[in-house]
Amino acid sequence: MRLPLLNPKHVDGYINVKDEEAIHYARRLAREEGIFAGFSSGANVAAAMKLLNSTHKGRTIAVIMCDSGLKYLSTDLWE
């Protein structure tokens, strides 16, 4: 029996984030908030910022970060 990881009826939408945006926000998290996170966390924050600058201006958005920056030390994320 195959268990679905994602039920499409529970998804309201999605936001595309470029690699450069994810890197930018991952670095901002480290520099400004002391949060050492990776690409996916940067992408989540970038998407939240896009919402806050458009349809969700003035509202509150929660972002969950499930990674750290440790595994990215040898990548261009932390040049």
N, C-alpha and C. Protein backbone atom coordinates (compact mmCIF):
# COMPACT_ATOMS: atom_id res chain seq x y z
N MET A 1 0.83 -1.17 0.00
CA MET A 1 0.00 0.00 0.00
C MET A 1 0.89 1.25 0.00
N ARG A 2 0.63 2.17 -0.89
CA ARG A 2 1.39 3.41 -1.01
C ARG A 2 0.69 4.52 -0.22
N LEU A 3 1.42 5.16 0.68
CA LEU A 3 0.87 6.27 1.44
C LEU A 3 1.26 7.58 0.77
N PRO A 4 0.31 8.41 0.42
CA PRO A 4 0.66 9.69 -0.23
C PRO A 4 1.30 10.65 0.77
N LEU A 5 2.34 11.31 0.35
CA LEU A 5 3.00 12.30 1.21
C LEU A 5 2.28 13.64 1.18
N LEU A 6 1.57 13.90 0.11
CA LEU A 6 0.91 15.18 -0.04
C LEU A 6 -0.47 14.97 -0.64
N ASN A 7 -1.44 15.50 0.02
CA ASN A 7 -2.80 15.45 -0.50
C ASN A 7 -3.09 16.80 -1.15
N PRO A 8 -3.20 16.85 -2.48
CA PRO A 8 -3.38 18.12 -3.19
C PRO A 8 -4.58 18.94 -2.73
N LYS A 9 -5.59 18.32 -2.18
CA LYS A 9 -6.76 19.09 -1.75
C LYS A 9 -6.45 19.95 -0.52
N HIS A 10 -5.31 19.69 0.13
CA HIS A 10 -4.92 20.48 1.30
C HIS A 10 -3.98 21.62 0.94
N VAL A 11 -3.67 21.78 -0.34
CA VAL A 11 -2.74 22.81 -0.79
C VAL A 11 -3.52 23.98 -1.39
N ASP A 12 -3.29 25.17 -0.83
CA ASP A 12 -3.94 26.38 -1.34
C ASP A 12 -3.22 26.94 -2.56
N GLY A 13 -1.92 26.73 -2.63
CA GLY A 13 -1.13 27.28 -3.72
C GLY A 13 0.35 27.07 -3.44
N TYR A 14 1.16 27.66 -4.28
CA TYR A 14 2.60 27.57 -4.07
C TYR A 14 3.25 28.83 -4.64
N ILE A 15 4.48 29.05 -4.21
CA ILE A 15 5.23 30.23 -4.64
C ILE A 15 6.59 29.76 -5.15
N ASN A 16 6.94 30.19 -6.35
CA ASN A 16 8.26 29.88 -6.89
C ASN A 16 9.29 30.82 -6.29
N VAL A 17 10.42 30.25 -5.91
CA VAL A 17 11.53 31.02 -5.35
C VAL A 17 12.79 30.64 -6.11
N LYS A 18 13.52 31.62 -6.57
CA LYS A 18 14.78 31.37 -7.29
C LYS A 18 15.87 31.00 -6.29
N ASP A 19 16.86 30.25 -6.77
CA ASP A 19 17.99 29.85 -5.93
C ASP A 19 18.64 31.06 -5.26
N GLU A 20 18.81 32.14 -6.02
CA GLU A 20 19.46 33.34 -5.50
C GLU A 20 18.67 33.94 -4.33
N GLU A 21 17.35 33.88 -4.42
CA GLU A 21 16.51 34.39 -3.33
C GLU A 21 16.67 33.53 -2.08
N ALA A 22 16.69 32.21 -2.27
CA ALA A 22 16.86 31.30 -1.13
C ALA A 22 18.20 31.54 -0.44
N ILE A 23 19.24 31.72 -1.23
CA ILE A 23 20.57 31.98 -0.67
C ILE A 23 20.58 33.32 0.07
N HIS A 24 20.01 34.33 -0.55
CA HIS A 24 19.94 35.66 0.07
C HIS A 24 19.28 35.60 1.45
N TYR A 25 18.15 34.93 1.55
CA TYR A 25 17.44 34.89 2.82
C TYR A 25 18.09 33.95 3.83
N ALA A 26 18.73 32.89 3.37
CA ALA A 26 19.47 32.02 4.30
C ALA A 26 20.62 32.82 4.94
N ARG A 27 21.29 33.62 4.13
CA ARG A 27 22.38 34.45 4.66
C ARG A 27 21.85 35.55 5.58
N ARG A 28 20.71 36.12 5.24
CA ARG A 28 20.09 37.13 6.12
C ARG A 28 19.69 36.52 7.46
N LEU A 29 19.16 35.30 7.42
CA LEU A 29 18.79 34.63 8.67
C LEU A 29 20.01 34.51 9.58
N ALA A 30 21.15 34.12 9.01
CA ALA A 30 22.36 33.97 9.81
C ALA A 30 22.87 35.32 10.32
N ARG A 31 22.93 36.29 9.43
CA ARG A 31 23.49 37.60 9.76
C ARG A 31 22.61 38.40 10.72
N GLU A 32 21.32 38.43 10.47
CA GLU A 32 20.43 39.31 11.23
C GLU A 32 19.73 38.64 12.40
N GLU A 33 19.50 37.34 12.30
CA GLU A 33 18.74 36.65 13.34
C GLU A 33 19.54 35.59 14.10
N GLY A 34 20.76 35.30 13.63
CA GLY A 34 21.57 34.28 14.29
C GLY A 34 21.05 32.87 14.05
N ILE A 35 20.29 32.69 12.97
CA ILE A 35 19.74 31.37 12.64
C ILE A 35 20.58 30.79 11.51
N PHE A 36 21.29 29.70 11.81
CA PHE A 36 22.16 29.04 10.84
C PHE A 36 21.34 27.98 10.12
N ALA A 37 20.81 28.33 8.97
CA ALA A 37 19.89 27.45 8.25
C ALA A 37 20.40 27.21 6.84
N GLY A 38 19.68 26.36 6.12
CA GLY A 38 20.09 26.00 4.77
C GLY A 38 19.22 26.61 3.69
N PHE A 39 19.38 26.05 2.49
CA PHE A 39 18.67 26.55 1.32
C PHE A 39 17.14 26.51 1.49
N SER A 40 16.62 25.39 1.98
CA SER A 40 15.16 25.27 2.06
C SER A 40 14.57 26.27 3.05
N SER A 41 15.27 26.52 4.14
CA SER A 41 14.78 27.52 5.08
C SER A 41 14.82 28.91 4.45
N GLY A 42 15.89 29.20 3.72
CA GLY A 42 15.96 30.47 3.01
C GLY A 42 14.83 30.61 2.00
N ALA A 43 14.51 29.52 1.32
CA ALA A 43 13.41 29.54 0.35
C ALA A 43 12.07 29.76 1.04
N ASN A 44 11.87 29.14 2.20
CA ASN A 44 10.62 29.33 2.95
C ASN A 44 10.46 30.79 3.38
N VAL A 45 11.54 31.39 3.84
CA VAL A 45 11.47 32.80 4.26
C VAL A 45 11.26 33.70 3.05
N ALA A 46 11.92 33.39 1.93
CA ALA A 46 11.74 34.18 0.71
C ALA A 46 10.27 34.15 0.28
N ALA A 47 9.66 32.97 0.33
CA ALA A 47 8.24 32.85 -0.04
C ALA A 47 7.36 33.64 0.91
N ALA A 48 7.67 33.57 2.20
CA ALA A 48 6.89 34.34 3.19
C ALA A 48 7.03 35.83 2.93
N MET A 49 8.23 36.28 2.60
CA MET A 49 8.44 37.69 2.32
C MET A 49 7.67 38.14 1.08
N LYS A 50 7.60 37.27 0.07
CA LYS A 50 6.81 37.60 -1.12
C LYS A 50 5.34 37.78 -0.75
N LEU A 51 4.83 36.90 0.11
CA LEU A 51 3.44 37.04 0.55
C LEU A 51 3.23 38.33 1.34
N LEU A 52 4.17 38.63 2.24
CA LEU A 52 4.04 39.82 3.07
C LEU A 52 4.14 41.11 2.26
N ASN A 53 4.80 41.04 1.12
CA ASN A 53 4.91 42.22 0.26
C ASN A 53 3.81 42.29 -0.79
N SER A 54 2.86 41.36 -0.71
CA SER A 54 1.76 41.40 -1.70
C SER A 54 0.42 41.12 -1.00
N THR A 55 -0.12 39.97 -1.21
CA THR A 55 -1.49 39.66 -0.77
C THR A 55 -1.66 39.57 0.74
N HIS A 56 -0.60 39.33 1.48
CA HIS A 56 -0.69 39.16 2.94
C HIS A 56 -0.04 40.30 3.71
N LYS A 57 0.07 41.45 3.07
CA LYS A 57 0.70 42.62 3.71
C LYS A 57 0.02 42.93 5.04
N GLY A 58 0.83 43.10 6.08
CA GLY A 58 0.31 43.43 7.40
C GLY A 58 -0.18 42.24 8.21
N ARG A 59 -0.09 41.05 7.65
CA ARG A 59 -0.55 39.86 8.35
C ARG A 59 0.63 39.12 8.97
N THR A 60 0.37 38.03 9.64
CA THR A 60 1.41 37.22 10.27
C THR A 60 1.54 35.90 9.54
N ILE A 61 2.77 35.51 9.23
CA ILE A 61 3.04 34.24 8.57
C ILE A 61 4.04 33.48 9.42
N ALA A 62 3.77 32.21 9.69
CA ALA A 62 4.70 31.35 10.43
C ALA A 62 5.50 30.53 9.43
N VAL A 63 6.81 30.44 9.67
CA VAL A 63 7.69 29.66 8.80
C VAL A 63 8.38 28.62 9.67
N ILE A 64 8.35 27.38 9.22
CA ILE A 64 9.01 26.29 9.94
C ILE A 64 10.31 25.97 9.23
N MET A 65 11.40 25.90 10.00
CA MET A 65 12.71 25.58 9.44
C MET A 65 13.19 24.27 10.03
N CYS A 66 13.39 23.30 9.16
CA CYS A 66 13.73 21.95 9.62
C CYS A 66 15.14 21.54 9.23
N ASP A 67 16.02 22.49 9.00
CA ASP A 67 17.39 22.14 8.65
C ASP A 67 18.36 23.11 9.30
N SER A 68 19.63 22.77 9.21
CA SER A 68 20.66 23.69 9.69
C SER A 68 21.62 23.95 8.54
N GLY A 69 22.49 24.88 8.73
CA GLY A 69 23.45 25.22 7.68
C GLY A 69 24.67 24.33 7.66
N LEU A 70 24.79 23.41 8.62
CA LEU A 70 26.00 22.59 8.72
C LEU A 70 26.32 21.80 7.47
N LYS A 71 25.33 21.18 6.87
CA LYS A 71 25.61 20.35 5.69
C LYS A 71 25.91 21.18 4.45
N TYR A 72 25.78 22.49 4.56
CA TYR A 72 26.03 23.37 3.42
C TYR A 72 27.35 24.13 3.53
N LEU A 73 28.15 23.81 4.52
CA LEU A 73 29.41 24.53 4.71
C LEU A 73 30.36 24.41 3.52
N SER A 74 30.28 23.34 2.78
CA SER A 74 31.17 23.14 1.64
C SER A 74 30.54 23.61 0.33
N THR A 75 29.39 24.28 0.40
CA THR A 75 28.73 24.76 -0.81
C THR A 75 28.89 26.28 -0.94
N ASP A 76 28.36 26.81 -2.02
CA ASP A 76 28.46 28.25 -2.23
C ASP A 76 27.53 29.06 -1.34
N LEU A 77 26.71 28.39 -0.54
CA LEU A 77 25.82 29.12 0.38
C LEU A 77 26.65 29.93 1.37
N TRP A 78 27.75 29.37 1.82
CA TRP A 78 28.57 30.04 2.85
C TRP A 78 29.95 30.38 2.32
N GLU A 79 30.02 31.02 1.16
CA GLU A 79 31.32 31.43 0.60
C GLU A 79 32.02 32.40 1.51
